[in-house]
Each structure stands twice: as structure tokens, then as C-alpha cells.
């Protein structure tokens, strides 16, 4: 049986591409996101505090049985340690949207562990 790239794409449940955020493009994106801050869709820290600026973006183009597809998850990623912090979600056109929660599995496990021991 021959496996092609097309057949793999048909079988997968989720498809995404991760890329780095170009600092030149980030300045233009910040201007768009400032409007979302005024509309109270996005927290102001994401456009004013450089420690919350995204370093990478996950473009989700396929999510079988999922609520969100054709969205971008803006993240901070430390390539040295592999630690990731999800910041916010936008449409494919970079317009911020409200989502119920964006929390990584590790954050959920830590939260569950802390609840179990009463911290």
C-alpha cells in the first residue's frame, strides 16, 4: 500500500502548523490587537507588556470533532526547555476571539495535583 501526503492529511484528526512570529510583522499585528483591547476582547497586557508578546503561532487548519478550526493560537515557546504558554486565540485573519479556555495538559495536571493535595 502506498501512503501519500494527501492520504495522511485525510486520516489525521488535527492539523496545525507552528511558525515563529516575525518581529516586523508583530508591530503591525499589535495595531490590530489594540482595537480588540478597546472592545474588551483581549487583555491589554498582550499589546503593552513585551513579556507577554508571542514568540510563535499555531495555525490550526483541521480539528475533527472540535469547536475551533481555522484559528491561530498565539504562544510563547522556550525552545531550550520546551515550555509553552498559551496567550490568546485569533481567527485566521488575526482578529482576537473569546474562547472558553486555552490551557495546556500540563497546566491542567498541575492544577488537578494542587487541588488533590489542597494547595
Protein backbone atom coordinates (compact mmCIF):
# COMPACT_ATOMS: atom_id res chain seq x y z
CA UNK A 1 0.00 0.00 0.00
CA UNK A 2 1.34 3.39 -0.95
CA UNK A 3 0.93 6.23 1.54
CA UNK A 4 0.86 9.74 0.16
CA UNK A 5 0.84 13.08 1.93
CA UNK A 6 -2.78 13.57 0.86
CA UNK A 7 -3.91 10.31 2.45
CA UNK A 8 -2.17 11.18 5.72
CA UNK A 9 -3.97 14.54 5.83
CA UNK A 10 -7.31 12.78 5.33
CA UNK A 11 -6.71 10.38 8.22
CA UNK A 12 -5.46 12.80 10.88
CA UNK A 13 -7.82 14.31 13.47
CA UNK A 14 -5.97 17.57 13.93
CA UNK A 15 -3.74 19.53 11.60
CA UNK A 16 -1.65 22.55 12.50
CA UNK A 17 1.49 24.39 11.52
CA UNK A 18 3.72 26.18 14.00
CA UNK A 19 5.85 29.13 12.96
CA UNK A 20 7.88 31.86 14.59
CA UNK A 21 6.48 35.35 14.89
CA UNK A 22 8.49 37.82 12.85
CA UNK A 23 9.23 40.92 14.97
CA UNK A 24 8.50 43.19 11.98
CA UNK A 25 5.07 41.61 11.48
CA UNK A 26 4.38 41.71 15.21
CA UNK A 27 4.31 45.52 15.22
CA UNK A 28 1.56 45.53 12.59
CA UNK A 29 -0.39 42.86 14.47
CA UNK A 30 -0.19 44.85 17.70
CA UNK A 31 -2.02 47.71 15.96
CA UNK A 32 -4.86 45.33 15.02
CA UNK A 33 -4.98 43.84 18.52
CA UNK A 34 -5.20 47.26 20.19
CA UNK A 35 -8.70 47.58 18.75
CA UNK A 36 -9.64 44.31 20.46
CA UNK A 37 -8.34 45.69 23.76
CA UNK A 38 -10.69 48.67 23.42
CA UNK A 39 -13.57 46.24 22.74
CA UNK A 40 -12.59 44.24 25.87
CA UNK A 41 -11.97 41.08 23.83
CA UNK A 42 -8.24 41.00 24.58
CA UNK A 43 -6.35 41.82 27.78
CA UNK A 44 -4.21 44.96 27.46
CA UNK A 45 -1.07 43.19 28.70
CA UNK A 46 -0.78 41.39 25.34
CA UNK A 47 -0.21 44.67 23.48
CA UNK A 48 1.62 46.75 26.11
CA UNK A 49 3.90 44.38 28.06
CA UNK A 50 6.68 42.87 25.93
CA UNK A 51 6.97 39.92 28.34
CA UNK A 52 3.54 38.83 27.00
CA UNK A 53 4.34 39.21 23.30
CA UNK A 54 4.01 35.93 21.38
CA UNK A 55 7.10 34.19 20.02
CA UNK A 56 5.28 31.54 17.96
CA UNK A 57 1.87 30.89 16.47
CA UNK A 58 -0.04 27.63 15.94
CA UNK A 59 -2.23 27.78 12.84
CA UNK A 60 -4.93 25.13 13.31
CA UNK A 61 -6.42 24.26 9.95
CA UNK A 62 -8.15 20.99 10.81
CA UNK A 63 -9.87 19.89 14.01
CA UNK A 64 -12.11 16.88 13.60
CA UNK A 65 -14.98 16.94 16.13
CA UNK A 66 -13.59 20.21 17.52
CA UNK A 67 -15.20 23.55 18.11
CA UNK A 68 -12.32 25.66 16.83
CA UNK A 69 -10.72 25.38 13.41
CA UNK A 70 -9.11 27.92 11.12
CA UNK A 71 -7.83 29.71 14.20
CA UNK A 72 -4.42 30.82 15.40
CA UNK A 73 -3.16 30.20 18.93
CA UNK A 74 -0.53 32.74 19.87
CA UNK A 75 2.01 31.29 22.28
CA UNK A 76 5.31 31.89 23.98
CA UNK A 77 7.64 28.97 23.44
CA UNK A 78 11.01 28.43 25.09
CA UNK A 79 12.88 26.20 22.67
CA UNK A 80 15.56 25.49 25.28
CA UNK A 81 13.22 23.95 27.84
CA UNK A 82 10.17 23.14 25.71
CA UNK A 83 7.90 25.15 28.00
CA UNK A 84 4.89 26.70 26.30
CA UNK A 85 2.47 29.37 27.47
CA UNK A 86 -0.76 29.88 25.52
CA UNK A 87 -1.61 33.56 25.30
CA UNK A 88 -4.73 34.12 23.21
CA UNK A 89 -6.61 32.95 20.11
CA UNK A 90 -7.42 34.79 16.89
CA UNK A 91 -9.24 33.99 13.70
CA UNK A 92 -7.18 33.23 10.61
CA UNK A 93 -7.44 36.99 9.89
CA UNK A 94 -5.76 37.86 13.23
CA UNK A 95 -8.93 39.15 14.91
CA UNK A 96 -8.91 38.09 18.60
CA UNK A 97 -11.78 35.87 19.70
CA UNK A 98 -13.07 34.75 23.08
CA UNK A 99 -12.61 31.07 23.84
CA UNK A 100 -13.76 29.11 26.87
CA UNK A 101 -10.27 28.12 27.93
CA UNK A 102 -6.83 27.62 26.48
CA UNK A 103 -4.92 25.60 28.98
CA UNK A 104 -2.25 23.04 28.22
CA UNK A 105 -2.46 19.48 29.53
CA UNK A 106 0.49 20.17 31.83
CA UNK A 107 -1.30 23.16 33.38
CA UNK A 108 -4.41 21.01 33.89
CA UNK A 109 -2.35 18.26 35.55
CA UNK A 110 -0.64 20.77 37.85
CA UNK A 111 -3.97 22.35 38.76
CA UNK A 112 -5.50 18.91 39.44
CA UNK A 113 -2.48 17.87 41.53
CA UNK A 114 -2.66 21.07 43.60
CA UNK A 115 -6.39 20.54 44.19
CA UNK A 116 -5.78 16.97 45.33
CA UNK A 117 -3.24 17.98 47.98
CA UNK A 118 -5.09 21.13 49.00
CA UNK A 119 -2.73 23.87 47.79
